[in-house]
Protein backbone atom coordinates (compact mmCIF):
# COMPACT_ATOMS: atom_id res chain seq x y z
CA UNK A 1 61.94 22.41 -241.60
CA UNK A 2 64.07 20.74 -243.91
CA UNK A 3 67.73 22.07 -243.75
CA UNK A 4 69.68 22.10 -247.02
CA UNK A 5 72.89 20.06 -246.91
CA UNK A 6 75.03 23.17 -247.20
CA UNK A 7 73.60 24.40 -243.93
CA UNK A 8 73.94 21.35 -242.27
CA UNK A 9 77.80 20.64 -242.77
CA UNK A 10 80.03 22.06 -239.94
CA UNK A 11 82.65 24.72 -240.79
CA UNK A 12 86.36 23.73 -240.34
CA UNK A 13 88.31 25.89 -237.87
CA UNK A 14 91.46 25.47 -239.98
CA UNK A 15 93.70 25.30 -237.14
CA UNK A 16 97.22 25.86 -236.90
CA UNK A 17 98.16 25.37 -240.70
CA UNK A 18 95.73 27.94 -241.66
CA UNK A 19 96.78 30.69 -239.27
CA UNK A 20 100.31 30.06 -240.14
CA UNK A 21 100.04 29.98 -243.83
CA UNK A 22 98.14 33.34 -243.80
CA UNK A 23 100.99 34.89 -241.65
CA UNK A 24 103.84 33.59 -244.05
CA UNK A 25 103.12 36.58 -246.90
CA UNK A 26 103.07 39.03 -244.21
CA UNK A 27 106.40 38.16 -242.68
CA UNK A 28 107.90 37.86 -246.24
CA UNK A 29 106.61 41.56 -247.09
CA UNK A 30 108.22 42.62 -243.89
CA UNK A 31 111.59 40.87 -244.59
CA UNK A 32 111.52 42.42 -247.98
CA UNK A 33 110.81 46.01 -246.80
CA UNK A 34 113.78 45.84 -244.08
CA UNK A 35 116.39 44.82 -246.83
CA UNK A 36 115.16 47.19 -249.39
CA UNK A 37 114.19 50.25 -247.19
CA UNK A 38 115.26 50.15 -243.57
CA UNK A 39 118.70 48.46 -243.82
CA UNK A 40 120.25 50.86 -246.73
CA UNK A 41 119.01 53.95 -244.48
CA UNK A 42 120.55 52.73 -241.56
CA UNK A 43 123.81 52.19 -243.24
CA UNK A 44 123.81 55.53 -244.96
CA UNK A 45 123.03 57.43 -241.54
CA UNK A 46 125.99 55.40 -240.07
CA UNK A 47 128.27 56.50 -242.57
CA UNK A 48 127.29 60.29 -242.23
CA UNK A 49 127.76 60.28 -238.64
CA UNK A 50 131.24 58.79 -239.22
CA UNK A 51 132.06 61.39 -241.64
CA UNK A 52 130.65 64.35 -239.41
CA UNK A 53 132.55 63.05 -236.31
CA UNK A 54 135.77 63.02 -238.35
CA UNK A 55 135.83 66.70 -239.67
CA UNK A 56 138.77 68.54 -238.62
CA UNK A 57 140.25 71.95 -239.15
CA UNK A 58 141.30 72.32 -242.72
CA UNK A 59 138.85 70.03 -244.37
CA UNK A 60 136.73 71.57 -247.20
CA UNK A 61 133.12 70.67 -246.87
CA UNK A 62 129.82 71.12 -248.88
CA UNK A 63 126.72 72.12 -246.65
CA UNK A 64 123.07 70.96 -247.27
CA UNK A 65 122.58 74.47 -248.62
CA UNK A 66 124.92 74.25 -251.14
CA UNK A 67 127.83 76.49 -249.53
CA UNK A 68 131.37 75.17 -249.99
CA UNK A 69 133.85 76.24 -247.49
CA UNK A 70 136.91 75.61 -245.08
CA UNK A 71 136.48 74.55 -241.56
CA UNK A 72 138.28 77.00 -239.61
CA UNK A 73 137.20 75.95 -236.12
CA UNK A 74 135.34 73.23 -234.41
CA UNK A 75 133.42 74.88 -231.73
CA UNK A 76 131.45 71.86 -229.85
CA UNK A 77 130.21 68.67 -230.42
CA UNK A 78 127.33 70.19 -232.48
CA UNK A 79 128.73 73.34 -234.25
CA UNK A 80 131.68 74.28 -236.58
CA UNK A 81 132.73 77.68 -238.17
CA UNK A 82 133.28 77.44 -241.76
CA UNK A 83 135.17 80.09 -243.77
CA UNK A 84 133.20 80.71 -247.10
CA UNK A 85 135.53 83.37 -248.31
CA UNK A 86 138.37 85.96 -246.99
CA UNK A 87 137.34 87.17 -243.72
CA UNK A 88 133.74 85.50 -243.98
CA UNK A 89 133.14 83.02 -241.57
CA UNK A 90 129.60 81.23 -240.61
CA UNK A 91 128.62 78.82 -237.96
CA UNK A 92 126.97 75.87 -239.00
CA UNK A 93 125.42 72.74 -237.31
CA UNK A 94 127.63 69.71 -238.03
CA UNK A 95 124.92 67.54 -239.33
CA UNK A 96 124.31 69.93 -242.24
CA UNK A 97 127.55 68.98 -243.91
CA UNK A 98 126.91 66.85 -246.83
CA UNK A 99 130.32 65.91 -248.26
CA UNK A 100 133.79 66.45 -247.59
CA UNK A 101 135.56 67.61 -250.60
CA UNK A 102 139.20 67.89 -249.73
CA UNK A 103 140.65 66.45 -246.48
CA UNK A 104 143.35 68.66 -244.83
């Protein structure tokens, strides 16, 4: 029958200030993740695409498999032919080129 004072008090809803205050740390975490992880990956992918698009005949390239060779022919948008030794040519996908060692 007798209610204690703790049960009799109404709880506050907090309002806009409490909701906004709980979102601030979440937004800060997202911004930090964007600038540390997402943005550098996008920049690196853009630079790789520009390098692969600029390949031309005579460039010496390094592939993801560790093969070093000279571009002998550009077949189409997605494939190139690389000469790895005298009379030995292999077809590779352009995106597997990691680095251009020497430009022609």
